[in-house]
PDB file of all heavy atoms in Angstrom:
ATOM      1  N   GLY A   1      -8.951  -3.542 -19.705  1.00  0.00           N
ATOM      2  CA  GLY A   1      -9.525  -2.412 -18.984  1.00  0.00           C
ATOM      3  C   GLY A   1     -10.909  -2.717 -18.435  1.00  0.00           C
ATOM      4  O   GLY A   1     -11.229  -2.361 -17.297  1.00  0.00           O
ATOM      5  N   LEU A   2     -11.737  -3.366 -19.241  1.00  0.00           N
ATOM      6  CA  LEU A   2     -13.092  -3.687 -18.786  1.00  0.00           C
ATOM      7  C   LEU A   2     -13.059  -4.675 -17.618  1.00  0.00           C
ATOM      8  O   LEU A   2     -13.846  -4.551 -16.662  1.00  0.00           O
ATOM      9  CB  LEU A   2     -13.906  -4.267 -19.953  1.00  0.00           C
ATOM     10  CG  LEU A   2     -14.207  -3.290 -21.098  1.00  0.00           C
ATOM     11  CD1 LEU A   2     -14.936  -4.011 -22.228  1.00  0.00           C
ATOM     12  CD2 LEU A   2     -15.033  -2.107 -20.596  1.00  0.00           C
ATOM     13  N   ILE A   3     -12.159  -5.658 -17.682  1.00  0.00           N
ATOM     14  CA  ILE A   3     -12.034  -6.625 -16.580  1.00  0.00           C
ATOM     15  C   ILE A   3     -11.587  -5.918 -15.302  1.00  0.00           C
ATOM     16  O   ILE A   3     -12.139  -6.139 -14.212  1.00  0.00           O
ATOM     17  CB  ILE A   3     -11.046  -7.742 -16.966  1.00  0.00           C
ATOM     18  CG1 ILE A   3     -11.620  -8.597 -18.093  1.00  0.00           C
ATOM     19  CG2 ILE A   3     -10.717  -8.619 -15.755  1.00  0.00           C
ATOM     20  CD1 ILE A   3     -10.630  -9.566 -18.699  1.00  0.00           C
ATOM     21  N   GLN A   4     -10.596  -5.056 -15.411  1.00  0.00           N
ATOM     22  CA  GLN A   4     -10.098  -4.337 -14.241  1.00  0.00           C
ATOM     23  C   GLN A   4     -11.150  -3.382 -13.689  1.00  0.00           C
ATOM     24  O   GLN A   4     -11.322  -3.268 -12.466  1.00  0.00           O
ATOM     25  CB  GLN A   4      -8.826  -3.567 -14.605  1.00  0.00           C
ATOM     26  CG  GLN A   4      -7.645  -4.471 -14.941  1.00  0.00           C
ATOM     27  CD  GLN A   4      -6.436  -3.684 -15.413  1.00  0.00           C
ATOM     28  OE1 GLN A   4      -6.581  -2.594 -15.981  1.00  0.00           O
ATOM     29  NE2 GLN A   4      -5.257  -4.225 -15.196  1.00  0.00           N
ATOM     30  N   LEU A   5     -11.865  -2.716 -14.573  1.00  0.00           N
ATOM     31  CA  LEU A   5     -12.903  -1.784 -14.140  1.00  0.00           C
ATOM     32  C   LEU A   5     -14.020  -2.529 -13.409  1.00  0.00           C
ATOM     33  O   LEU A   5     -14.490  -2.084 -12.352  1.00  0.00           O
ATOM     34  CB  LEU A   5     -13.459  -1.034 -15.352  1.00  0.00           C
ATOM     35  CG  LEU A   5     -14.542   0.020 -15.080  1.00  0.00           C
ATOM     36  CD1 LEU A   5     -14.014   1.094 -14.139  1.00  0.00           C
ATOM     37  CD2 LEU A   5     -15.007   0.639 -16.396  1.00  0.00           C
ATOM     38  N   ALA A   6     -14.427  -3.670 -13.955  1.00  0.00           N
ATOM     39  CA  ALA A   6     -15.473  -4.468 -13.306  1.00  0.00           C
ATOM     40  C   ALA A   6     -15.012  -4.949 -11.937  1.00  0.00           C
ATOM     41  O   ALA A   6     -15.784  -4.930 -10.967  1.00  0.00           O
ATOM     42  CB  ALA A   6     -15.844  -5.664 -14.191  1.00  0.00           C
ATOM     43  N   ALA A   7     -13.756  -5.360 -11.835  1.00  0.00           N
ATOM     44  CA  ALA A   7     -13.226  -5.819 -10.545  1.00  0.00           C
ATOM     45  C   ALA A   7     -13.202  -4.688  -9.527  1.00  0.00           C
ATOM     46  O   ALA A   7     -13.513  -4.888  -8.348  1.00  0.00           O
ATOM     47  CB  ALA A   7     -11.830  -6.399 -10.733  1.00  0.00           C
ATOM     48  N   GLY A   8     -12.842  -3.498  -9.970  1.00  0.00           N
ATOM     49  CA  GLY A   8     -12.807  -2.363  -9.063  1.00  0.00           C
ATOM     50  C   GLY A   8     -14.195  -1.955  -8.600  1.00  0.00           C
ATOM     51  O   GLY A   8     -14.410  -1.675  -7.429  1.00  0.00           O
ATOM     52  N   LEU A   9     -15.168  -1.932  -9.524  1.00  0.00           N
ATOM     53  CA  LEU A   9     -16.537  -1.578  -9.153  1.00  0.00           C
ATOM     54  C   LEU A   9     -17.151  -2.626  -8.231  1.00  0.00           C
ATOM     55  O   LEU A   9     -17.989  -2.307  -7.384  1.00  0.00           O
ATOM     56  CB  LEU A   9     -17.398  -1.422 -10.416  1.00  0.00           C
ATOM     57  CG  LEU A   9     -17.035  -0.230 -11.320  1.00  0.00           C
ATOM     58  CD1 LEU A   9     -17.847  -0.266 -12.596  1.00  0.00           C
ATOM     59  CD2 LEU A   9     -17.258   1.102 -10.580  1.00  0.00           C
ATOM     60  N   ALA A  10     -16.721  -3.894  -8.385  1.00  0.00           N
ATOM     61  CA  ALA A  10     -17.202  -4.967  -7.513  1.00  0.00           C
ATOM     62  C   ALA A  10     -16.441  -5.014  -6.193  1.00  0.00           C
ATOM     63  O   ALA A  10     -16.703  -5.891  -5.364  1.00  0.00           O
ATOM     64  CB  ALA A  10     -17.093  -6.307  -8.232  1.00  0.00           C
ATOM     65  N   ARG A  11     -15.486  -4.105  -6.020  1.00  0.00           N
ATOM     66  CA  ARG A  11     -14.697  -3.985  -4.779  1.00  0.00           C
ATOM     67  C   ARG A  11     -13.957  -5.286  -4.469  1.00  0.00           C
ATOM     68  O   ARG A  11     -14.026  -5.821  -3.353  1.00  0.00           O
ATOM     69  CB  ARG A  11     -15.592  -3.572  -3.611  1.00  0.00           C
ATOM     70  CG  ARG A  11     -16.391  -2.308  -3.883  1.00  0.00           C
ATOM     71  CD  ARG A  11     -17.255  -1.905  -2.699  1.00  0.00           C
ATOM     72  NE  ARG A  11     -16.434  -1.432  -1.596  1.00  0.00           N
ATOM     73  CZ  ARG A  11     -15.971  -0.187  -1.483  1.00  0.00           C
ATOM     74  NH1 ARG A  11     -16.250   0.712  -2.419  1.00  0.00           N
ATOM     75  NH2 ARG A  11     -15.241   0.168  -0.443  1.00  0.00           N
ATOM     76  N   LEU A  12     -13.243  -5.777  -5.474  1.00  0.00           N
ATOM     77  CA  LEU A  12     -12.495  -7.020  -5.311  1.00  0.00           C
ATOM     78  C   LEU A  12     -11.019  -6.768  -5.024  1.00  0.00           C
ATOM     79  O   LEU A  12     -10.193  -7.657  -5.216  1.00  0.00           O
ATOM     80  CB  LEU A  12     -12.631  -7.876  -6.579  1.00  0.00           C
ATOM     81  CG  LEU A  12     -14.055  -8.294  -6.970  1.00  0.00           C
ATOM     82  CD1 LEU A  12     -14.029  -9.154  -8.224  1.00  0.00           C
ATOM     83  CD2 LEU A  12     -14.728  -9.041  -5.835  1.00  0.00           C
ATOM     84  N   GLY A  13     -10.685  -5.569  -4.579  1.00  0.00           N
ATOM     85  CA  GLY A  13      -9.284  -5.232  -4.337  1.00  0.00           C
ATOM     86  C   GLY A  13      -8.616  -6.159  -3.351  1.00  0.00           C
ATOM     87  O   GLY A  13      -7.434  -6.482  -3.478  1.00  0.00           O
ATOM     88  N   GLY A  14      -9.357  -6.598  -2.342  1.00  0.00           N
ATOM     89  CA  GLY A  14      -8.761  -7.473  -1.335  1.00  0.00           C
ATOM     90  C   GLY A  14      -8.375  -8.833  -1.872  1.00  0.00           C
ATOM     91  O   GLY A  14      -7.455  -9.477  -1.346  1.00  0.00           O
ATOM     92  N   LEU A  15      -9.055  -9.298  -2.945  1.00  0.00           N
ATOM     93  CA  LEU A  15      -8.755 -10.627  -3.474  1.00  0.00           C
ATOM     94  C   LEU A  15      -7.371 -10.695  -4.104  1.00  0.00           C
ATOM     95  O   LEU A  15      -6.774 -11.768  -4.171  1.00  0.00           O
ATOM     96  CB  LEU A  15      -9.812 -11.028  -4.511  1.00  0.00           C
ATOM     97  CG  LEU A  15     -11.218 -11.283  -3.980  1.00  0.00           C
ATOM     98  CD1 LEU A  15     -12.149 -11.676  -5.106  1.00  0.00           C
ATOM     99  CD2 LEU A  15     -11.203 -12.362  -2.901  1.00  0.00           C
ATOM    100  N   VAL A  16      -6.878  -9.552  -4.577  1.00  0.00           N
ATOM    101  CA  VAL A  16      -5.558  -9.549  -5.204  1.00  0.00           C
ATOM    102  C   VAL A  16      -4.491  -9.986  -4.208  1.00  0.00           C
ATOM    103  O   VAL A  16      -3.480 -10.598  -4.568  1.00  0.00           O
ATOM    104  CB  VAL A  16      -5.245  -8.144  -5.764  1.00  0.00           C
ATOM    105  CG1 VAL A  16      -3.845  -8.098  -6.355  1.00  0.00           C
ATOM    106  CG2 VAL A  16      -6.267  -7.765  -6.824  1.00  0.00           C
ATOM    107  N   SER A  17      -4.726  -9.714  -2.926  1.00  0.00           N
ATOM    108  CA  SER A  17      -3.750 -10.069  -1.902  1.00  0.00           C
ATOM    109  C   SER A  17      -3.605 -11.576  -1.733  1.00  0.00           C
ATOM    110  O   SER A  17      -2.632 -12.041  -1.140  1.00  0.00           O
ATOM    111  CB  SER A  17      -4.152  -9.442  -0.557  1.00  0.00           C
ATOM    112  OG  SER A  17      -4.239  -8.041  -0.675  1.00  0.00           O
ATOM    113  N   PHE A  18      -4.581 -12.352  -2.246  1.00  0.00           N
ATOM    114  CA  PHE A  18      -4.504 -13.797  -2.092  1.00  0.00           C
ATOM    115  C   PHE A  18      -3.485 -14.425  -3.037  1.00  0.00           C
ATOM    116  O   PHE A  18      -3.117 -15.580  -2.857  1.00  0.00           O
ATOM    117  CB  PHE A  18      -5.879 -14.430  -2.340  1.00  0.00           C
ATOM    118  CG  PHE A  18      -6.794 -14.357  -1.155  1.00  0.00           C
ATOM    119  CD1 PHE A  18      -7.679 -13.308  -1.005  1.00  0.00           C
ATOM    120  CD2 PHE A  18      -6.751 -15.323  -0.170  1.00  0.00           C
ATOM    121  CE1 PHE A  18      -8.520 -13.229   0.083  1.00  0.00           C
ATOM    122  CE2 PHE A  18      -7.585 -15.252   0.926  1.00  0.00           C
ATOM    123  CZ  PHE A  18      -8.475 -14.210   1.061  1.00  0.00           C
ATOM    124  N   VAL A  19      -3.077 -13.697  -4.049  1.00  0.00           N
ATOM    125  CA  VAL A  19      -2.083 -14.229  -4.971  1.00  0.00           C
ATOM    126  C   VAL A  19      -0.717 -14.178  -4.297  1.00  0.00           C
ATOM    127  O   VAL A  19      -0.279 -13.133  -3.831  1.00  0.00           O
ATOM    128  CB  VAL A  19      -2.056 -13.438  -6.291  1.00  0.00           C
ATOM    129  CG1 VAL A  19      -1.015 -14.020  -7.234  1.00  0.00           C
ATOM    130  CG2 VAL A  19      -3.428 -13.462  -6.945  1.00  0.00           C
ATOM    131  N   SER A  20      -0.060 -15.312  -4.244  1.00  0.00           N
ATOM    132  CA  SER A  20       1.223 -15.401  -3.555  1.00  0.00           C
ATOM    133  C   SER A  20       2.254 -14.468  -4.174  1.00  0.00           C
ATOM    134  O   SER A  20       2.327 -14.309  -5.398  1.00  0.00           O
ATOM    135  CB  SER A  20       1.733 -16.851  -3.609  1.00  0.00           C
ATOM    136  OG  SER A  20       3.069 -16.924  -3.189  1.00  0.00           O
ATOM    137  N   HIS A  21       3.062 -13.874  -3.309  1.00  0.00           N
ATOM    138  CA  HIS A  21       4.160 -13.019  -3.786  1.00  0.00           C
ATOM    139  C   HIS A  21       5.130 -13.830  -4.645  1.00  0.00           C
ATOM    140  O   HIS A  21       5.742 -13.297  -5.574  1.00  0.00           O
ATOM    141  CB  HIS A  21       4.890 -12.409  -2.587  1.00  0.00           C
ATOM    142  CG  HIS A  21       6.065 -11.575  -2.960  1.00  0.00           C
ATOM    143  ND1 HIS A  21       5.964 -10.385  -3.660  1.00  0.00           N
ATOM    144  CD2 HIS A  21       7.398 -11.753  -2.758  1.00  0.00           C
ATOM    145  CE1 HIS A  21       7.161  -9.879  -3.847  1.00  0.00           C
ATOM    146  NE2 HIS A  21       8.045 -10.682  -3.311  1.00  0.00           N
ATOM    147  N   SER A  22       5.260 -15.102  -4.354  1.00  0.00           N
ATOM    148  CA  SER A  22       6.159 -15.957  -5.134  1.00  0.00           C
ATOM    149  C   SER A  22       5.710 -16.070  -6.584  1.00  0.00           C
ATOM    150  O   SER A  22       6.535 -16.260  -7.486  1.00  0.00           O
ATOM    151  CB  SER A  22       6.239 -17.351  -4.508  1.00  0.00           C
ATOM    152  OG  SER A  22       6.723 -17.284  -3.190  1.00  0.00           O
ATOM    153  N   VAL A  23       4.393 -15.961  -6.814  1.00  0.00           N
ATOM    154  CA  VAL A  23       3.880 -16.024  -8.189  1.00  0.00           C
ATOM    155  C   VAL A  23       4.427 -14.866  -8.997  1.00  0.00           C
ATOM    156  O   VAL A  23       4.934 -15.042 -10.119  1.00  0.00           O
ATOM    157  CB  VAL A  23       2.343 -16.012  -8.192  1.00  0.00           C
ATOM    158  CG1 VAL A  23       1.815 -15.912  -9.614  1.00  0.00           C
ATOM    159  CG2 VAL A  23       1.792 -17.254  -7.519  1.00  0.00           C
ATOM    160  N   MET A  24       4.351 -13.656  -8.436  1.00  0.00           N
ATOM    161  CA  MET A  24       4.834 -12.498  -9.168  1.00  0.00           C
ATOM    162  C   MET A  24       6.345 -12.515  -9.322  1.00  0.00           C
ATOM    163  O   MET A  24       6.886 -12.101 -10.346  1.00  0.00           O
ATOM    164  CB  MET A  24       4.390 -11.213  -8.457  1.00  0.00           C
ATOM    165  CG  MET A  24       2.922 -10.877  -8.638  1.00  0.00           C
ATOM    166  SD  MET A  24       2.413 -10.809 -10.378  1.00  0.00           S
ATOM    167  CE  MET A  24       3.415  -9.461 -10.976  1.00  0.00           C
ATOM    168  N   THR A  25       7.053 -13.009  -8.305  1.00  0.00           N
ATOM    169  CA  THR A  25       8.507 -13.098  -8.397  1.00  0.00           C
ATOM    170  C   THR A  25       8.918 -14.025  -9.535  1.00  0.00           C
ATOM    171  O   THR A  25       9.787 -13.688 -10.352  1.00  0.00           O
ATOM    172  CB  THR A  25       9.095 -13.613  -7.067  1.00  0.00           C
ATOM    173  OG1 THR A  25       8.738 -12.715  -6.012  1.00  0.00           O
ATOM    174  CG2 THR A  25      10.611 -13.701  -7.145  1.00  0.00           C
ATOM    175  N   ALA A  26       8.291 -15.199  -9.589  1.00  0.00           N
ATOM    176  CA  ALA A  26       8.619 -16.168 -10.633  1.00  0.00           C
ATOM    177  C   ALA A  26       8.131 -15.703 -11.999  1.00  0.00           C
ATOM    178  O   ALA A  26       8.826 -15.851 -13.010  1.00  0.00           O
ATOM    179  CB  ALA A  26       8.001 -17.527 -10.287  1.00  0.00           C
ATOM    180  N   PHE A  27       6.930 -15.129 -12.031  1.00  0.00           N
ATOM    181  CA  PHE A  27       6.386 -14.649 -13.296  1.00  0.00           C
ATOM    182  C   PHE A  27       7.273 -13.564 -13.886  1.00  0.00           C
ATOM    183  O   PHE A  27       7.553 -13.557 -15.094  1.00  0.00           O
ATOM    184  CB  PHE A  27       4.970 -14.117 -13.081  1.00  0.00           C
ATOM    185  CG  PHE A  27       4.358 -13.505 -14.308  1.00  0.00           C
ATOM    186  CD1 PHE A  27       3.779 -14.299 -15.281  1.00  0.00           C
ATOM    187  CD2 PHE A  27       4.383 -12.130 -14.499  1.00  0.00           C
ATOM    188  CE1 PHE A  27       3.222 -13.731 -16.424  1.00  0.00           C
ATOM    189  CE2 PHE A  27       3.837 -11.560 -15.624  1.00  0.00           C
ATOM    190  CZ  PHE A  27       3.249 -12.363 -16.591  1.00  0.00           C
ATOM    191  N   THR A  28       7.714 -12.645 -13.049  1.00  0.00           N
ATOM    192  CA  THR A  28       8.579 -11.562 -13.517  1.00  0.00           C
ATOM    193  C   THR A  28       9.904 -12.110 -14.017  1.00  0.00           C
ATOM    194  O   THR A  28      10.440 -11.641 -15.035  1.00  0.00           O
ATOM    195  CB  THR A  28       8.819 -10.546 -12.389  1.00  0.00           C
ATOM    196  OG1 THR A  28       7.566 -10.082 -11.905  1.00  0.00           O
ATOM    197  CG2 THR A  28       9.633  -9.372 -12.874  1.00  0.00           C
ATOM    198  N   ALA A  29      10.448 -13.110 -13.322  1.00  0.00           N
ATOM    199  CA  ALA A  29      11.701 -13.725 -13.760  1.00  0.00           C
ATOM    200  C   ALA A  29      11.526 -14.409 -15.112  1.00  0.00           C
ATOM    201  O   ALA A  29      12.384 -14.296 -16.003  1.00  0.00           O
ATOM    202  CB  ALA A  29      12.190 -14.721 -12.713  1.00  0.00           C
ATOM    203  N   ALA A  30      10.409 -15.137 -15.276  1.00  0.00           N
ATOM    204  CA  ALA A  30      10.148 -15.803 -16.556  1.00  0.00           C
ATOM    205  C   ALA A  30       9.976 -14.776 -17.673  1.00  0.00           C
ATOM    206  O   ALA A  30      10.479 -14.955 -18.798  1.00  0.00           O
ATOM    207  CB  ALA A  30       8.901 -16.676 -16.440  1.00  0.00           C
ATOM    208  N   ALA A  31       9.260 -13.676 -17.368  1.00  0.00           N
ATOM    209  CA  ALA A  31       9.089 -12.614 -18.363  1.00  0.00           C
ATOM    210  C   ALA A  31      10.432 -12.003 -18.741  1.00  0.00           C
ATOM    211  O   ALA A  31      10.686 -11.703 -19.912  1.00  0.00           O
ATOM    212  CB  ALA A  31       8.158 -11.535 -17.807  1.00  0.00           C
ATOM    213  N   ALA A  32      11.315 -11.851 -17.753  1.00  0.00           N
ATOM    214  CA  ALA A  32      12.639 -11.278 -18.019  1.00  0.00           C
ATOM    215  C   ALA A  32      13.440 -12.160 -18.965  1.00  0.00           C
ATOM    216  O   ALA A  32      14.088 -11.674 -19.906  1.00  0.00           O
ATOM    217  CB  ALA A  32      13.395 -11.088 -16.712  1.00  0.00           C
TER     218      ALA A  32
END
C-alpha cells in the first residue's frame, strides 16, 4: 500500500503503461 500510494502521489501512473502486455499475460498464466 505504501509503495502504491507513493507512486500515485508522485504521479507515476503513466509509467505503468511501459510494462509490456505480454508480461501480464505470461505472469497470469504462470500464476494460474
